[in-house]
Amino acid sequence: MSRFTRSAQGDLIDFELLAIKAQLAAAPKPKTVEQRKAAIDAKDGVKTDVKPDLAMEMFAVSNAAAATSAGKQIKKK
């Protein structure tokens, strides 16, 4: 199976790269980064209650859907 998949618009999608990026985004950040982010968000009035588990779950569902649709072949008439 190819590492890349074509989207409906013809763009190449690398699901392995997306998985790596999601893992990096979900990794815990150092305390100084968290403190700086909290200070900036407090100054801007932004609430930071985004759950990384939800993002990973959404990625898993989209990955499963892509794998399912990749298994189906479109028949030309």
PDB file of N, CA and C in Angstrom:
ATOM      1  N   MET A   1       0.847  -1.179   0.000  1.00  0.00           N
ATOM      2  CA  MET A   1       0.000   0.000   0.000  1.00  0.00           C
ATOM      3  C   MET A   1       0.893   1.243   0.000  1.00  0.00           C
ATOM      4  N   SER A   2       0.466   2.213  -0.732  1.00  0.00           N
ATOM      5  CA  SER A   2       1.235   3.441  -0.861  1.00  0.00           C
ATOM      6  C   SER A   2       1.166   4.268   0.422  1.00  0.00           C
ATOM      7  N   ARG A   3       2.220   4.995   0.690  1.00  0.00           N
ATOM      8  CA  ARG A   3       2.269   5.869   1.858  1.00  0.00           C
ATOM      9  C   ARG A   3       1.356   7.079   1.673  1.00  0.00           C
ATOM     10  N   PHE A   4       1.109   7.428   0.419  1.00  0.00           N
ATOM     11  CA  PHE A   4       0.300   8.604   0.113  1.00  0.00           C
ATOM     12  C   PHE A   4      -1.074   8.187  -0.408  1.00  0.00           C
ATOM     13  N   THR A   5      -2.046   9.030  -0.163  1.00  0.00           N
ATOM     14  CA  THR A   5      -3.401   8.833  -0.657  1.00  0.00           C
ATOM     15  C   THR A   5      -3.823  10.119  -1.354  1.00  0.00           C
ATOM     16  N   ARG A   6      -4.577   9.986  -2.400  1.00  0.00           N
ATOM     17  CA  ARG A   6      -5.068  11.168  -3.103  1.00  0.00           C
ATOM     18  C   ARG A   6      -6.426  11.564  -2.550  1.00  0.00           C
ATOM     19  N   SER A   7      -6.595  12.854  -2.331  1.00  0.00           N
ATOM     20  CA  SER A   7      -7.884  13.367  -1.865  1.00  0.00           C
ATOM     21  C   SER A   7      -8.828  13.463  -3.059  1.00  0.00           C
ATOM     22  N   ALA A   8     -10.066  13.821  -2.782  1.00  0.00           N
ATOM     23  CA  ALA A   8     -11.041  13.977  -3.855  1.00  0.00           C
ATOM     24  C   ALA A   8     -10.628  15.094  -4.822  1.00  0.00           C
ATOM     25  N   GLN A   9      -9.838  16.035  -4.328  1.00  0.00           N
ATOM     26  CA  GLN A   9      -9.377  17.142  -5.169  1.00  0.00           C
ATOM     27  C   GLN A   9      -8.066  16.814  -5.878  1.00  0.00           C
ATOM     28  N   GLY A  10      -7.525  15.612  -5.619  1.00  0.00           N
ATOM     29  CA  GLY A  10      -6.300  15.193  -6.292  1.00  0.00           C
ATOM     30  C   GLY A  10      -5.028  15.514  -5.533  1.00  0.00           C
ATOM     31  N   ASP A  11      -5.132  16.071  -4.329  1.00  0.00           N
ATOM     32  CA  ASP A  11      -3.946  16.391  -3.531  1.00  0.00           C
ATOM     33  C   ASP A  11      -3.422  15.129  -2.848  1.00  0.00           C
ATOM     34  N   LEU A  12      -2.093  15.025  -2.715  1.00  0.00           N
ATOM     35  CA  LEU A  12      -1.505  13.900  -2.009  1.00  0.00           C
ATOM     36  C   LEU A  12      -1.591  14.133  -0.506  1.00  0.00           C
ATOM     37  N   ILE A  13      -2.013  13.098   0.227  1.00  0.00           N
ATOM     38  CA  ILE A  13      -2.133  13.180   1.679  1.00  0.00           C
ATOM     39  C   ILE A  13      -1.264  12.097   2.283  1.00  0.00           C
ATOM     40  N   ASP A  14      -0.390  12.476   3.195  1.00  0.00           N
ATOM     41  CA  ASP A  14       0.495  11.539   3.883  1.00  0.00           C
ATOM     42  C   ASP A  14      -0.042  11.334   5.296  1.00  0.00           C
ATOM     43  N   PHE A  15      -0.769  10.219   5.508  1.00  0.00           N
ATOM     44  CA  PHE A  15      -1.389   9.978   6.800  1.00  0.00           C
ATOM     45  C   PHE A  15      -0.365   9.662   7.883  1.00  0.00           C
ATOM     46  N   GLU A  16       0.785   9.096   7.492  1.00  0.00           N
ATOM     47  CA  GLU A  16       1.835   8.842   8.477  1.00  0.00           C
ATOM     48  C   GLU A  16       2.368  10.162   9.035  1.00  0.00           C
ATOM     49  N   LEU A  17       2.575  11.143   8.167  1.00  0.00           N
ATOM     50  CA  LEU A  17       3.053  12.456   8.595  1.00  0.00           C
ATOM     51  C   LEU A  17       2.014  13.139   9.484  1.00  0.00           C
ATOM     52  N   LEU A  18       0.741  13.019   9.122  1.00  0.00           N
ATOM     53  CA  LEU A  18      -0.322  13.600   9.952  1.00  0.00           C
ATOM     54  C   LEU A  18      -0.366  12.948  11.330  1.00  0.00           C
ATOM     55  N   ALA A  19      -0.129  11.638  11.391  1.00  0.00           N
ATOM     56  CA  ALA A  19      -0.117  10.932  12.680  1.00  0.00           C
ATOM     57  C   ALA A  19       1.046  11.412  13.545  1.00  0.00           C
ATOM     58  N   ILE A  20       2.199  11.611  12.939  1.00  0.00           N
ATOM     59  CA  ILE A  20       3.370  12.100  13.673  1.00  0.00           C
ATOM     60  C   ILE A  20       3.111  13.506  14.207  1.00  0.00           C
ATOM     61  N   LYS A  21       2.525  14.366  13.377  1.00  0.00           N
ATOM     62  CA  LYS A  21       2.223  15.728  13.810  1.00  0.00           C
ATOM     63  C   LYS A  21       1.207  15.731  14.949  1.00  0.00           C
ATOM     64  N   ALA A  22       0.221  14.830  14.888  1.00  0.00           N
ATOM     65  CA  ALA A  22      -0.774  14.754  15.954  1.00  0.00           C
ATOM     66  C   ALA A  22      -0.141  14.287  17.260  1.00  0.00           C
ATOM     67  N   GLN A  23       0.790  13.340  17.177  1.00  0.00           N
ATOM     68  CA  GLN A  23       1.484  12.867  18.376  1.00  0.00           C
ATOM     69  C   GLN A  23       2.333  13.969  18.981  1.00  0.00           C
ATOM     70  N   LEU A  24       3.001  14.732  18.140  1.00  0.00           N
ATOM     71  CA  LEU A  24       3.814  15.846  18.651  1.00  0.00           C
ATOM     72  C   LEU A  24       2.946  16.910  19.304  1.00  0.00           C
ATOM     73  N   ALA A  25       1.791  17.174  18.708  1.00  0.00           N
ATOM     74  CA  ALA A  25       0.889  18.183  19.265  1.00  0.00           C
ATOM     75  C   ALA A  25       0.302  17.725  20.594  1.00  0.00           C
ATOM     76  N   ALA A  26       0.113  16.406  20.747  1.00  0.00           N
ATOM     77  CA  ALA A  26      -0.486  15.874  21.969  1.00  0.00           C
ATOM     78  C   ALA A  26       0.547  15.678  23.084  1.00  0.00           C
ATOM     79  N   ALA A  27       1.835  15.739  22.753  1.00  0.00           N
ATOM     80  CA  ALA A  27       2.883  15.536  23.759  1.00  0.00           C
ATOM     81  C   ALA A  27       2.864  16.679  24.775  1.00  0.00           C
ATOM     82  N   PRO A  28       3.145  16.372  26.041  1.00  0.00           N
ATOM     83  CA  PRO A  28       3.155  17.435  27.048  1.00  0.00           C
ATOM     84  C   PRO A  28       4.262  18.455  26.768  1.00  0.00           C
ATOM     85  N   LYS A  29       3.940  19.693  26.999  1.00  0.00           N
ATOM     86  CA  LYS A  29       4.903  20.769  26.763  1.00  0.00           C
ATOM     87  C   LYS A  29       5.641  21.092  28.064  1.00  0.00           C
ATOM     88  N   PRO A  30       6.846  21.641  27.963  1.00  0.00           N
ATOM     89  CA  PRO A  30       7.568  22.035  29.175  1.00  0.00           C
ATOM     90  C   PRO A  30       6.798  23.093  29.967  1.00  0.00           C
ATOM     91  N   LYS A  31       7.046  23.157  31.261  1.00  0.00           N
ATOM     92  CA  LYS A  31       6.329  24.092  32.150  1.00  0.00           C
ATOM     93  C   LYS A  31       6.464  25.536  31.695  1.00  0.00           C
ATOM     94  N   THR A  32       7.658  25.915  31.237  1.00  0.00           N
ATOM     95  CA  THR A  32       7.857  27.315  30.828  1.00  0.00           C
ATOM     96  C   THR A  32       6.983  27.670  29.633  1.00  0.00           C
ATOM     97  N   VAL A  33       6.827  26.725  28.712  1.00  0.00           N
ATOM     98  CA  VAL A  33       5.981  26.968  27.545  1.00  0.00           C
ATOM     99  C   VAL A  33       4.527  27.100  27.988  1.00  0.00           C
ATOM    100  N   GLU A  34       4.089  26.208  28.883  1.00  0.00           N
ATOM    101  CA  GLU A  34       2.712  26.267  29.386  1.00  0.00           C
ATOM    102  C   GLU A  34       2.445  27.581  30.121  1.00  0.00           C
ATOM    103  N   GLN A  35       3.404  28.023  30.937  1.00  0.00           N
ATOM    104  CA  GLN A  35       3.238  29.272  31.688  1.00  0.00           C
ATOM    105  C   GLN A  35       3.166  30.466  30.747  1.00  0.00           C
ATOM    106  N   ARG A  36       4.039  30.477  29.742  1.00  0.00           N
ATOM    107  CA  ARG A  36       4.052  31.579  28.783  1.00  0.00           C
ATOM    108  C   ARG A  36       2.743  31.602  27.989  1.00  0.00           C
ATOM    109  N   LYS A  37       2.282  30.427  27.558  1.00  0.00           N
ATOM    110  CA  LYS A  37       1.029  30.329  26.806  1.00  0.00           C
ATOM    111  C   LYS A  37      -0.150  30.783  27.662  1.00  0.00           C
ATOM    112  N   ALA A  38      -0.171  30.382  28.920  1.00  0.00           N
ATOM    113  CA  ALA A  38      -1.253  30.778  29.821  1.00  0.00           C
ATOM    114  C   ALA A  38      -1.258  32.288  30.030  1.00  0.00           C
ATOM    115  N   ALA A  39      -0.070  32.890  30.157  1.00  0.00           N
ATOM    116  CA  ALA A  39       0.026  34.340  30.349  1.00  0.00           C
ATOM    117  C   ALA A  39      -0.473  35.086  29.110  1.00  0.00           C
ATOM    118  N   ILE A  40      -0.097  34.601  27.932  1.00  0.00           N
ATOM    119  CA  ILE A  40      -0.537  35.241  26.683  1.00  0.00           C
ATOM    120  C   ILE A  40      -2.040  35.103  26.522  1.00  0.00           C
ATOM    121  N   ASP A  41      -2.549  33.896  26.799  1.00  0.00           N
ATOM    122  CA  ASP A  41      -3.990  33.667  26.668  1.00  0.00           C
ATOM    123  C   ASP A  41      -4.784  34.495  27.672  1.00  0.00           C
ATOM    124  N   ALA A  42      -4.269  34.615  28.886  1.00  0.00           N
ATOM    125  CA  ALA A  42      -4.954  35.425  29.900  1.00  0.00           C
ATOM    126  C   ALA A  42      -4.985  36.899  29.478  1.00  0.00           C
ATOM    127  N   LYS A  43      -3.896  37.360  28.881  1.00  0.00           N
ATOM    128  CA  LYS A  43      -3.829  38.741  28.419  1.00  0.00           C
ATOM    129  C   LYS A  43      -4.819  38.977  27.275  1.00  0.00           C
ATOM    130  N   ASP A  44      -4.953  37.975  26.384  1.00  0.00           N
ATOM    131  CA  ASP A  44      -5.848  38.095  25.238  1.00  0.00           C
ATOM    132  C   ASP A  44      -7.290  37.727  25.577  1.00  0.00           C
ATOM    133  N   GLY A  45      -7.516  37.147  26.757  1.00  0.00           N
ATOM    134  CA  GLY A  45      -8.857  36.748  27.153  1.00  0.00           C
ATOM    135  C   GLY A  45      -9.333  35.475  26.483  1.00  0.00           C
ATOM    136  N   VAL A  46      -8.402  34.570  26.167  1.00  0.00           N
ATOM    137  CA  VAL A  46      -8.734  33.325  25.491  1.00  0.00           C
ATOM    138  C   VAL A  46      -8.851  32.202  26.518  1.00  0.00           C
ATOM    139  N   LYS A  47      -9.881  31.367  26.366  1.00  0.00           N
ATOM    140  CA  LYS A  47     -10.022  30.203  27.236  1.00  0.00           C
ATOM    141  C   LYS A  47      -9.294  29.030  26.591  1.00  0.00           C
ATOM    142  N   THR A  48      -8.500  28.306  27.384  1.00  0.00           N
ATOM    143  CA  THR A  48      -7.705  27.198  26.853  1.00  0.00           C
ATOM    144  C   THR A  48      -8.194  25.883  27.437  1.00  0.00           C
ATOM    145  N   ASP A  49      -9.345  25.426  26.960  1.00  0.00           N
ATOM    146  CA  ASP A  49      -9.880  24.164  27.443  1.00  0.00           C
ATOM    147  C   ASP A  49      -9.994  23.130  26.324  1.00  0.00           C
ATOM    148  N   VAL A  50      -9.062  23.172  25.356  1.00  0.00           N
ATOM    149  CA  VAL A  50      -9.055  22.217  24.255  1.00  0.00           C
ATOM    150  C   VAL A  50      -8.445  20.913  24.747  1.00  0.00           C
ATOM    151  N   LYS A  51      -9.120  19.813  24.463  1.00  0.00           N
ATOM    152  CA  LYS A  51      -8.662  18.506  24.919  1.00  0.00           C
ATOM    153  C   LYS A  51      -7.921  17.802  23.779  1.00  0.00           C
ATOM    154  N   PRO A  52      -6.632  17.444  23.974  1.00  0.00           N
ATOM    155  CA  PRO A  52      -5.886  16.776  22.905  1.00  0.00           C
ATOM    156  C   PRO A  52      -6.431  15.382  22.605  1.00  0.00           C
ATOM    157  N   ASP A  53      -7.079  14.724  23.591  1.00  0.00           N
ATOM    158  CA  ASP A  53      -7.622  13.387  23.354  1.00  0.00           C
ATOM    159  C   ASP A  53      -8.719  13.439  22.297  1.00  0.00           C
ATOM    160  N   LEU A  54      -9.503  14.489  22.303  1.00  0.00           N
ATOM    161  CA  LEU A  54     -10.570  14.635  21.317  1.00  0.00           C
ATOM    162  C   LEU A  54      -9.979  14.780  19.920  1.00  0.00           C
ATOM    163  N   ALA A  55      -8.911  15.534  19.793  1.00  0.00           N
ATOM    164  CA  ALA A  55      -8.259  15.708  18.496  1.00  0.00           C
ATOM    165  C   ALA A  55      -7.708  14.377  17.994  1.00  0.00           C
ATOM    166  N   MET A  56      -7.111  13.585  18.885  1.00  0.00           N
ATOM    167  CA  MET A  56      -6.576  12.286  18.491  1.00  0.00           C
ATOM    168  C   MET A  56      -7.707  11.343  18.084  1.00  0.00           C
ATOM    169  N   GLU A  57      -8.843  11.407  18.776  1.00  0.00           N
ATOM    170  CA  GLU A  57      -9.982  10.560  18.438  1.00  0.00           C
ATOM    171  C   GLU A  57     -10.530  10.931  17.063  1.00  0.00           C
ATOM    172  N   MET A  58     -10.622  12.228  16.788  1.00  0.00           N
ATOM    173  CA  MET A  58     -11.101  12.678  15.486  1.00  0.00           C
ATOM    174  C   MET A  58     -10.143  12.243  14.376  1.00  0.00           C
ATOM    175  N   PHE A  59      -8.835  12.295  14.653  1.00  0.00           N
ATOM    176  CA  PHE A  59      -7.848  11.864  13.672  1.00  0.00           C
ATOM    177  C   PHE A  59      -7.987  10.370  13.409  1.00  0.00           C
ATOM    178  N   ALA A  60      -8.199   9.568  14.450  1.00  0.00           N
ATOM    179  CA  ALA A  60      -8.345   8.123  14.289  1.00  0.00           C
ATOM    180  C   ALA A  60      -9.572   7.790  13.452  1.00  0.00           C
ATOM    181  N   VAL A  61     -10.666   8.503  13.676  1.00  0.00           N
ATOM    182  CA  VAL A  61     -11.884   8.268  12.902  1.00  0.00           C
ATOM    183  C   VAL A  61     -11.661   8.627  11.437  1.00  0.00           C
ATOM    184  N   SER A  62     -11.015   9.748  11.167  1.00  0.00           N
ATOM    185  CA  SER A  62     -10.774  10.146   9.780  1.00  0.00           C
ATOM    186  C   SER A  62      -9.803   9.191   9.101  1.00  0.00           C
ATOM    187  N   ASN A  63      -8.821   8.697   9.858  1.00  0.00           N
ATOM    188  CA  ASN A  63      -7.859   7.744   9.309  1.00  0.00           C
ATOM    189  C   ASN A  63      -8.559   6.437   8.957  1.00  0.00           C
ATOM    190  N   ALA A  64      -9.469   5.972   9.821  1.00  0.00           N
ATOM    191  CA  ALA A  64     -10.217   4.743   9.560  1.00  0.00           C
ATOM    192  C   ALA A  64     -11.125   4.917   8.344  1.00  0.00           C
ATOM    193  N   ALA A  65     -11.743   6.081   8.220  1.00  0.00           N
ATOM    194  CA  ALA A  65     -12.607   6.349   7.072  1.00  0.00           C
ATOM    195  C   ALA A  65     -11.798   6.367   5.781  1.00  0.00           C
ATOM    196  N   ALA A  66     -10.614   6.931   5.830  1.00  0.00           N
ATOM    197  CA  ALA A  66      -9.760   6.982   4.643  1.00  0.00           C
ATOM    198  C   ALA A  66      -9.308   5.576   4.262  1.00  0.00           C
ATOM    199  N   ALA A  67      -8.991   4.754   5.253  1.00  0.00           N
ATOM    200  CA  ALA A  67      -8.573   3.389   4.974  1.00  0.00           C
ATOM    201  C   ALA A  67      -9.718   2.591   4.368  1.00  0.00           C
ATOM    202  N   THR A  68     -10.927   2.819   4.845  1.00  0.00           N
ATOM    203  CA  THR A  68     -12.104   2.126   4.311  1.00  0.00           C
ATOM    204  C   THR A  68     -12.368   2.548   2.878  1.00  0.00           C
ATOM    205  N   SER A  69     -12.307   3.846   2.616  1.00  0.00           N
ATOM    206  CA  SER A  69     -12.578   4.330   1.260  1.00  0.00           C
ATOM    207  C   SER A  69     -11.446   3.959   0.307  1.00  0.00           C
ATOM    208  N   ALA A  70     -10.229   3.799   0.824  1.00  0.00           N
ATOM    209  CA  ALA A  70      -9.115   3.401  -0.037  1.00  0.00           C
ATOM    210  C   ALA A  70      -9.267   1.954  -0.474  1.00  0.00           C
ATOM    211  N   GLY A  71      -9.959   1.139   0.339  1.00  0.00           N
ATOM    212  CA  GLY A  71     -10.174  -0.260   0.000  1.00  0.00           C
ATOM    213  C   GLY A  71     -11.229  -0.437  -1.069  1.00  0.00           C
ATOM    214  N   LYS A  72     -12.099   0.521  -1.242  1.00  0.00           N
ATOM    215  CA  LYS A  72     -13.145   0.456  -2.270  1.00  0.00           C
ATOM    216  C   LYS A  72     -12.601   1.038  -3.569  1.00  0.00           C
ATOM    217  N   GLN A  73     -12.866   0.362  -4.647  1.00  0.00           N
ATOM    218  CA  GLN A  73     -12.421   0.875  -5.932  1.00  0.00           C
ATOM    219  C   GLN A  73     -13.623   1.389  -6.706  1.00  0.00           C
ATOM    220  N   ILE A  74     -13.433   2.500  -7.359  1.00  0.00           N
ATOM    221  CA  ILE A  74     -14.515   3.097  -8.150  1.00  0.00           C
ATOM    222  C   ILE A  74     -14.521   2.445  -9.521  1.00  0.00           C
ATOM    223  N   LYS A  75     -15.677   1.913  -9.911  1.00  0.00           N
ATOM    224  CA  LYS A  75     -15.801   1.254 -11.212  1.00  0.00           C
ATOM    225  C   LYS A  75     -16.220   2.284 -12.255  1.00  0.00           C
ATOM    226  N   LYS A  76     -15.533   2.279 -13.384  1.00  0.00           N
ATOM    227  CA  LYS A  76     -15.873   3.179 -14.481  1.00  0.00           C
ATOM    228  C   LYS A  76     -16.898   2.502 -15.357  1.00  0.00           C
ATOM    229  N   LYS A  77     -17.864   3.280 -15.811  1.00  0.00           N
ATOM    230  CA  LYS A  77     -18.918   2.728 -16.682  1.00  0.00           C
ATOM    231  C   LYS A  77     -18.530   2.848 -18.125  1.00  0.00           C
TER     232      LYS A  77
END
